[in-house]
Amino acid sequence: MFSEKLNLLKQKNLSRHIDDRESPQGPRIMIQGREFLHFSSNDYLGLANHPSIIDKANESMSRYGFGAGASRLLSGGSILHHQLEEKIAQVKNTEAALVFNSGYAANTGTIPALADGDTVLFSDELNHASIIDGCRLSRAETIIYTHRDMTHLEDCLKNTAAKKRIVITDTIFSMDGDIAPLPEIVRLCKTHSAHLYIDDAHATGVIGKGKGGLSHFAISPEPWIIQMGTFSKALGSFGAFVAGSAEIIEWAVNSARSFMYSTALPACVVAASSAALELIENNPRIIDQLWTNRDKAAQGILAAGYDIMGSESPIIPIRTGSIQNTLRIAKHLFEQGILAPAVRPPTVKESRIRITVTATHTDQDIERLIEALKGM
């Protein structure tokens, strides 16, 4: 039934396959018995295999067991879930927060809950697929504005009559590594009486001393700003959250379908997320190390003659010019024992190699990557 479609993907060099690792997450991983230097992980702070986080997860498993057994609304959650939500609200400086099972679930549940027939959504054209799907599921009118183009966003807001407006943007864009101009977006939202929904998935634990986009730009978390983020990237755990006013969070509890109708996260996963937040709070230097490594890698890749497409974060895309060249570079790196897979349509319009740098990469790791790129 799907053979023709699969063959077409292969002909276009767009077919994908899965290479599962045989080791813990980290700067080096094992695939099919071979060690690779790993530059494709979102484990920015290297916490996914951190001993203190593992200890907290084991400790909570001994106390609460593993499976949650039910949704939060049917007592599937533990007291750890509530404590994590209080901690997230403190980090994000909001009245309340709500834990979701994944970033995808948070966006596809919360955005439809916030929107109704009188709502118009304004979404950056390079927003994550989960935001796109959340907008689609909301059935609200969605206007796409040109990536980070504040003139276009302002024109869209001016020319749209709606009782309720919500501007939605990633903070750090997952495939480009650039940062949304949040101060300008906040100004436009104030001027045009719009809510703001920001996806801090790649910003939490990375910018703003780990607190994310609003903290990075010293923006006050107003009640009309909703912050979403994940535990699965810089925090090395799993799950996600939405933080905002108590009213919005109470509404999400009662209307976000991905929250209401999903079994709760296991308590041990929640304990790992709390441990990660505590670790960052007590050891902020790990974020400094991430940025030291990021700057070294970005400068080295630029010096080697590559275009990093305006990256401002530990996500460093390398412009390759074509799908074929992207695959060629990825294959060359793979042969050199470096994992940095090709990113192709439909994930992005323009193919690229997506390098992600972590706090646990060494200077030698980064130099090895740069030398391999020079050898192309």
Protein backbone atom coordinates (compact mmCIF):
# COMPACT_ATOMS: atom_id res chain seq x y z
CA MET A 1 0.00 0.00 0.00
CA PHE A 2 2.80 2.42 0.86
CA SER A 3 5.58 0.92 -1.30
CA GLU A 4 5.26 3.56 -4.02
CA LYS A 5 5.40 6.39 -1.48
CA LEU A 6 8.41 4.84 0.24
CA ASN A 7 10.19 4.38 -3.08
CA LEU A 8 9.51 8.02 -3.92
CA LEU A 9 11.07 9.11 -0.62
CA LYS A 10 14.16 7.04 -1.40
CA GLN A 11 14.42 8.50 -4.90
CA LYS A 12 14.34 12.01 -3.41
CA ASN A 13 16.93 11.11 -0.73
CA LEU A 14 14.32 11.81 1.95
CA SER A 15 13.99 8.32 3.43
CA ARG A 16 14.87 7.98 7.11
CA HIS A 17 15.95 5.11 9.33
CA ILE A 18 16.49 4.63 13.06
CA ASP A 19 19.89 4.02 14.70
CA ASP A 20 19.25 3.21 18.36
CA ARG A 21 22.14 3.63 20.77
CA GLU A 22 23.52 0.92 23.05
CA SER A 23 24.76 3.28 25.78
CA PRO A 24 23.60 6.10 28.03
CA GLN A 25 23.09 9.53 26.50
CA GLY A 26 26.25 11.63 26.52
CA PRO A 27 28.98 13.27 24.43
CA ARG A 28 29.98 9.77 23.32
CA ILE A 29 27.49 7.03 22.51
CA MET A 30 27.62 3.50 21.15
CA ILE A 31 25.78 2.50 17.96
CA GLN A 32 26.12 -1.02 16.57
CA GLY A 33 29.15 -1.61 18.77
CA ARG A 34 30.98 1.51 17.61
CA GLU A 35 31.67 4.66 19.63
CA PHE A 36 30.61 7.99 18.17
CA LEU A 37 31.30 11.54 19.20
CA HIS A 38 27.74 12.81 19.64
CA PHE A 39 26.76 16.21 18.22
CA SER A 40 23.04 15.67 17.66
CA SER A 41 21.60 15.54 21.18
CA ASN A 42 19.44 18.15 22.93
CA ASP A 43 20.97 17.13 26.28
CA TYR A 44 22.58 20.58 26.44
CA LEU A 45 23.82 20.41 30.03
CA GLY A 46 24.75 16.72 29.99
CA LEU A 47 22.25 15.86 32.72
CA ALA A 48 20.54 12.85 31.10
CA ASN A 49 23.01 10.47 32.77
CA HIS A 50 23.91 12.59 35.80
CA PRO A 51 24.35 10.45 38.98
CA SER A 52 22.35 12.73 41.28
CA ILE A 53 19.37 12.69 38.91
CA ILE A 54 19.52 8.91 38.61
CA ASP A 55 19.68 8.61 42.41
CA LYS A 56 16.57 10.78 42.84
CA ALA A 57 14.70 8.76 40.23
CA ASN A 58 15.63 5.47 41.93
CA GLU A 59 14.70 6.80 45.34
CA SER A 60 11.24 7.90 44.17
CA MET A 61 10.67 4.60 42.36
CA SER A 62 11.30 2.75 45.60
CA ARG A 63 8.68 4.89 47.32
CA TYR A 64 6.02 5.38 44.62
CA GLY A 65 6.63 2.47 42.23
CA PHE A 66 6.89 2.99 38.50
CA GLY A 67 3.58 3.19 36.62
CA ALA A 68 1.20 6.06 37.40
CA GLY A 69 -1.87 3.97 36.62
CA ALA A 70 -4.23 6.83 35.74
CA SER A 71 -4.51 10.42 34.63
CA ARG A 72 -3.81 13.23 37.09
CA LEU A 73 -7.55 13.84 37.39
CA LEU A 74 -8.01 10.21 38.50
CA SER A 75 -5.25 10.22 41.14
CA GLY A 76 -2.51 9.12 38.74
CA GLY A 77 -0.21 11.87 39.99
CA SER A 78 1.91 11.86 43.14
CA ILE A 79 2.74 14.66 45.54
CA LEU A 80 5.97 14.98 43.52
CA HIS A 81 3.96 16.23 40.54
CA HIS A 82 2.53 19.09 42.59
CA GLN A 83 5.94 19.92 44.06
CA LEU A 84 7.46 20.05 40.57
CA GLU A 85 4.73 22.42 39.42
CA GLU A 86 5.40 24.71 42.37
CA LYS A 87 9.10 24.65 41.54
CA ILE A 88 8.49 25.46 37.87
CA ALA A 89 6.21 28.36 38.80
CA GLN A 90 8.99 29.68 41.03
CA VAL A 91 11.59 29.35 38.26
CA LYS A 92 9.35 31.00 35.67
CA ASN A 93 8.08 33.57 38.20
CA THR A 94 4.41 32.77 37.51
CA GLU A 95 1.41 32.08 39.72
CA ALA A 96 1.09 28.45 38.68
CA ALA A 97 2.29 25.70 36.36
CA LEU A 98 1.01 22.40 34.98
CA VAL A 99 3.06 19.33 34.02
CA PHE A 100 2.35 17.62 30.69
CA ASN A 101 3.68 14.33 29.33
CA SER A 102 5.71 15.92 26.50
CA GLY A 103 6.29 19.21 24.74
CA TYR A 104 4.15 17.97 21.89
CA ALA A 105 1.32 17.20 24.31
CA ALA A 106 1.69 20.59 25.98
CA ASN A 107 1.37 22.52 22.73
CA THR A 108 -1.34 20.39 21.15
CA GLY A 109 -3.34 20.52 24.39
CA THR A 110 -2.84 24.08 25.59
CA ILE A 111 -3.12 26.03 22.34
CA PRO A 112 -6.57 24.59 21.49
CA ALA A 113 -7.62 25.19 25.10
CA LEU A 114 -6.69 28.87 24.87
CA ALA A 115 -8.27 29.48 21.46
CA ASP A 116 -11.94 29.61 20.53
CA GLY A 117 -14.08 30.82 17.64
CA ASP A 118 -13.32 34.46 18.43
CA THR A 119 -9.55 33.92 18.49
CA VAL A 120 -6.93 34.65 15.85
CA LEU A 121 -3.51 33.03 16.29
CA PHE A 122 -0.33 34.66 14.94
CA SER A 123 2.40 32.05 14.49
CA ASP A 124 6.03 32.46 13.38
CA GLU A 125 6.58 30.56 10.13
CA LEU A 126 9.44 28.51 11.63
CA ASN A 127 7.62 27.44 14.79
CA HIS A 128 7.94 23.80 15.87
CA ALA A 129 5.62 21.18 14.38
CA SER A 130 3.86 20.78 17.73
CA ILE A 131 2.86 24.46 17.64
CA ILE A 132 1.67 24.10 14.05
CA ASP A 133 -0.43 21.09 15.02
CA GLY A 134 -1.74 22.87 18.13
CA CYS A 135 -2.92 25.74 15.93
CA ARG A 136 -4.57 23.32 13.53
CA LEU A 137 -6.33 21.44 16.31
CA SER A 138 -7.64 24.70 17.76
CA ARG A 139 -9.56 25.36 14.53
CA ALA A 140 -8.96 29.05 15.15
CA GLU A 141 -7.92 31.30 12.29
CA THR A 142 -4.12 31.17 12.11
CA ILE A 143 -2.02 33.84 10.44
CA ILE A 144 1.60 32.94 9.70
CA TYR A 145 4.04 35.82 9.94
CA THR A 146 7.49 35.88 8.34
CA HIS A 147 10.19 34.49 10.61
CA ARG A 148 11.17 37.07 13.26
CA ASP A 149 9.77 39.85 11.05
CA MET A 150 8.26 42.38 13.44
CA THR A 151 7.05 44.68 10.68
CA HIS A 152 5.05 41.83 9.19
CA LEU A 153 3.70 40.77 12.60
CA GLU A 154 2.65 44.35 13.35
CA ASP A 155 0.85 44.61 9.99
CA CYS A 156 -0.93 41.31 10.69
CA LEU A 157 -2.06 42.51 14.13
CA LYS A 158 -3.20 45.89 12.79
CA ASN A 159 -5.19 44.40 9.93
CA THR A 160 -6.97 41.67 11.87
CA ALA A 161 -10.15 42.33 13.78
CA ALA A 162 -10.62 39.78 16.55
CA LYS A 163 -11.90 39.76 20.11
CA LYS A 164 -8.93 37.65 21.17
CA ARG A 165 -5.41 37.52 19.68
CA ILE A 166 -2.57 35.20 20.63
CA VAL A 167 0.97 35.54 19.28
CA ILE A 168 2.85 32.23 19.38
CA THR A 169 6.59 31.81 18.97
CA ASP A 170 9.46 29.53 19.80
CA THR A 171 12.10 31.26 21.92
CA ILE A 172 15.07 29.39 20.46
CA PHE A 173 14.16 27.91 17.09
CA SER A 174 15.02 24.23 17.09
CA MET A 175 16.45 23.92 13.58
CA ASP A 176 17.97 27.38 13.11
CA GLY A 177 19.32 28.14 16.57
CA ASP A 178 18.29 31.78 16.45
CA ILE A 179 16.32 33.58 19.17
CA ALA A 180 12.93 35.27 18.85
CA PRO A 181 12.98 39.07 19.38
CA LEU A 182 10.84 38.81 22.50
CA PRO A 183 11.12 42.48 23.60
CA GLU A 184 9.65 43.63 20.28
CA ILE A 185 6.99 40.90 20.35
CA VAL A 186 5.98 41.86 23.90
CA ARG A 187 5.71 45.51 22.84
CA LEU A 188 3.44 44.59 19.93
CA CYS A 189 1.30 42.39 22.15
CA LYS A 190 0.83 45.26 24.60
CA THR A 191 -0.02 47.69 21.81
CA HIS A 192 -2.55 45.39 20.17
CA SER A 193 -3.99 43.72 23.30
CA ALA A 194 -2.72 40.25 22.41
CA HIS A 195 -1.74 37.33 24.60
CA LEU A 196 1.72 35.85 24.10
CA TYR A 197 2.51 32.12 24.12
CA ILE A 198 6.21 31.27 24.07
CA ASP A 199 7.74 27.83 23.58
CA ASP A 200 10.83 27.71 25.79
CA ALA A 201 11.66 24.07 24.98
CA HIS A 202 15.21 24.86 23.82
CA ALA A 203 15.58 27.91 26.10
CA THR A 204 14.84 26.48 29.55
CA GLY A 205 18.17 25.58 31.13
CA VAL A 206 20.05 27.33 28.30
CA ILE A 207 19.42 31.10 28.42
CA GLY A 208 18.36 33.56 31.10
CA LYS A 209 20.53 31.76 33.68
CA GLY A 210 18.50 28.67 32.90
CA LYS A 211 15.13 30.35 33.43
CA GLY A 212 14.42 30.85 29.73
CA GLY A 213 13.48 33.58 27.30
CA LEU A 214 11.74 36.12 29.51
CA SER A 215 14.58 36.09 32.01
CA HIS A 216 17.12 36.35 29.18
CA PHE A 217 15.54 39.62 28.06
CA ALA A 218 14.59 40.80 31.59
CA ILE A 219 10.89 40.76 30.65
CA SER A 220 8.32 40.64 33.42
CA PRO A 221 6.11 37.52 33.16
CA GLU A 222 2.79 39.34 32.82
CA PRO A 223 -0.47 37.41 33.36
CA TRP A 224 -1.15 37.54 29.59
CA ILE A 225 2.09 35.68 28.82
CA ILE A 226 2.03 31.88 28.79
CA GLN A 227 5.33 29.98 28.98
CA MET A 228 5.70 26.41 27.79
CA GLY A 229 8.87 24.38 28.26
CA THR A 230 10.26 20.86 28.45
CA PHE A 231 12.23 18.74 30.88
CA SER A 232 13.54 16.51 28.09
CA LYS A 233 16.29 18.73 26.69
CA ALA A 234 18.61 20.78 28.91
CA LEU A 235 17.09 19.24 32.04
CA GLY A 236 17.93 15.70 30.91
CA SER A 237 14.60 14.21 31.99
CA PHE A 238 11.21 13.86 30.27
CA GLY A 239 7.91 15.68 30.12
CA ALA A 240 6.91 19.32 29.78
CA PHE A 241 5.05 22.15 31.46
CA VAL A 242 2.97 25.24 30.91
CA ALA A 243 3.41 28.16 33.31
CA GLY A 244 1.23 31.24 33.65
CA SER A 245 -1.51 32.85 35.67
CA ALA A 246 -3.50 30.72 38.10
CA GLU A 247 -6.60 31.31 35.97
CA ILE A 248 -4.98 30.04 32.77
CA ILE A 249 -3.54 26.97 34.48
CA GLU A 250 -6.89 26.13 36.07
CA TRP A 251 -8.49 26.45 32.63
CA ALA A 252 -5.86 24.12 31.14
CA VAL A 253 -6.58 21.52 33.84
CA ASN A 254 -10.22 21.62 32.78
CA SER A 255 -9.86 21.85 29.00
CA ALA A 256 -6.45 20.72 27.69
CA ARG A 257 -7.34 17.31 26.30
CA SER A 258 -3.75 16.02 26.16
CA PHE A 259 -3.54 16.61 29.92
CA MET A 260 -7.03 15.41 30.86
CA TYR A 261 -6.91 12.16 28.92
CA SER A 262 -3.30 11.02 29.38
CA THR A 263 -1.92 8.77 32.09
CA ALA A 264 0.30 10.81 34.39
CA LEU A 265 4.08 10.71 34.13
CA PRO A 266 5.71 8.17 36.47
CA ALA A 267 6.79 9.70 39.78
CA CYS A 268 10.42 8.75 39.13
CA VAL A 269 10.45 10.85 35.94
CA VAL A 270 8.99 13.80 37.85
CA ALA A 271 11.62 13.35 40.58
CA ALA A 272 14.35 13.44 37.93
CA SER A 273 13.02 16.74 36.60
CA SER A 274 12.98 18.28 40.08
CA ALA A 275 16.51 17.07 40.70
CA ALA A 276 17.66 18.65 37.45
CA LEU A 277 16.17 22.03 38.41
CA GLU A 278 17.92 21.87 41.78
CA LEU A 279 21.21 20.91 40.15
CA ILE A 280 21.12 23.89 37.80
CA GLU A 281 20.17 26.23 40.63
CA ASN A 282 23.08 25.01 42.77
CA ASN A 283 25.59 24.77 39.93
CA PRO A 284 24.97 27.60 37.44
CA ARG A 285 28.52 27.27 36.11
CA ILE A 286 27.37 24.33 34.01
CA ILE A 287 25.41 26.78 31.86
CA ASP A 288 28.50 28.97 31.52
CA GLN A 289 30.42 25.91 30.31
CA LEU A 290 27.73 25.22 27.72
CA TRP A 291 28.14 28.71 26.28
CA THR A 292 31.94 28.51 26.36
CA ASN A 293 31.70 25.32 24.30
CA ARG A 294 29.08 26.78 22.01
CA ASP A 295 31.18 29.84 21.20
CA LYS A 296 34.27 27.73 20.55
CA ALA A 297 32.35 25.48 18.17
CA ALA A 298 30.59 28.31 16.34
CA GLN A 299 33.80 30.29 15.85
CA GLY A 300 35.66 27.19 14.66
CA ILE A 301 32.96 26.19 12.18
CA LEU A 302 32.84 29.74 10.80
CA ALA A 303 36.63 29.83 10.52
CA ALA A 304 36.48 26.57 8.57
CA GLY A 305 34.42 28.40 5.94
CA TYR A 306 30.90 27.26 6.77
CA ASP A 307 27.71 29.31 7.04
CA ILE A 308 25.98 28.73 10.40
CA MET A 309 22.77 30.42 9.26
CA GLY A 310 22.57 33.09 11.98
CA SER A 311 22.78 30.72 14.94
CA GLU A 312 22.70 32.40 18.36
CA SER A 313 22.56 29.29 20.54
CA PRO A 314 24.05 25.81 21.09
CA ILE A 315 22.05 24.75 18.02
CA ILE A 316 24.42 25.40 15.14
CA PRO A 317 23.04 24.59 11.67
CA ILE A 318 25.52 24.28 8.80
CA ARG A 319 24.25 25.39 5.40
CA THR A 320 24.99 22.68 2.85
CA GLY A 321 23.32 23.87 -0.35
CA SER A 322 21.51 20.68 -1.32
CA ILE A 323 20.09 17.42 0.00
CA GLN A 324 22.87 15.49 -1.72
CA ASN A 325 25.60 17.60 -0.14
CA THR A 326 23.95 17.35 3.26
CA LEU A 327 23.98 13.57 3.03
CA ARG A 328 27.59 13.62 1.82
CA ILE A 329 28.75 15.68 4.81
CA ALA A 330 26.76 13.57 7.27
CA LYS A 331 28.27 10.40 5.80
CA HIS A 332 31.79 11.85 6.00
CA LEU A 333 31.31 12.77 9.66
CA PHE A 334 29.82 9.34 10.38
CA GLU A 335 32.87 7.68 8.84
CA GLN A 336 35.03 9.87 11.10
CA GLY A 337 33.11 8.59 14.13
CA ILE A 338 31.03 11.76 14.56
CA LEU A 339 27.24 11.62 14.74
CA ALA A 340 25.60 14.71 13.22
CA PRO A 341 22.79 13.46 10.99
CA ALA A 342 21.38 15.24 7.96
CA VAL A 343 18.23 17.29 8.51
CA ARG A 344 16.04 17.40 5.41
CA PRO A 345 12.54 18.33 4.27
CA PRO A 346 9.84 18.27 5.53
CA THR A 347 11.54 19.04 8.86
CA VAL A 348 13.14 22.08 7.22
CA LYS A 349 12.75 23.73 3.83
CA GLU A 350 16.51 23.95 3.34
CA SER A 351 18.61 20.89 4.17
CA ARG A 352 21.40 21.27 6.71
CA ILE A 353 23.66 19.57 9.20
CA ARG A 354 22.39 20.42 12.68
CA ILE A 355 25.20 20.52 15.24
CA THR A 356 24.24 20.69 18.91
CA VAL A 357 26.92 21.46 21.48
CA THR A 358 26.68 20.44 25.13
CA ALA A 359 28.38 21.45 28.37
CA THR A 360 30.03 18.02 28.54
CA HIS A 361 31.88 18.24 25.22
CA THR A 362 35.60 18.79 25.70
CA ASP A 363 37.84 21.17 23.75
CA GLN A 364 39.28 18.11 22.04
CA ASP A 365 35.79 16.96 21.02
CA ILE A 366 35.04 20.30 19.40
CA GLU A 367 38.43 20.46 17.69
CA ARG A 368 37.87 16.97 16.29
CA LEU A 369 34.54 18.07 14.83
CA ILE A 370 36.07 21.16 13.24
CA GLU A 371 38.97 19.19 11.76
CA ALA A 372 36.54 16.68 10.29
CA LEU A 373 34.57 19.51 8.68
CA LYS A 374 37.76 20.99 7.28
CA GLY A 375 38.45 17.64 5.66
CA MET A 376 35.41 17.87 3.42
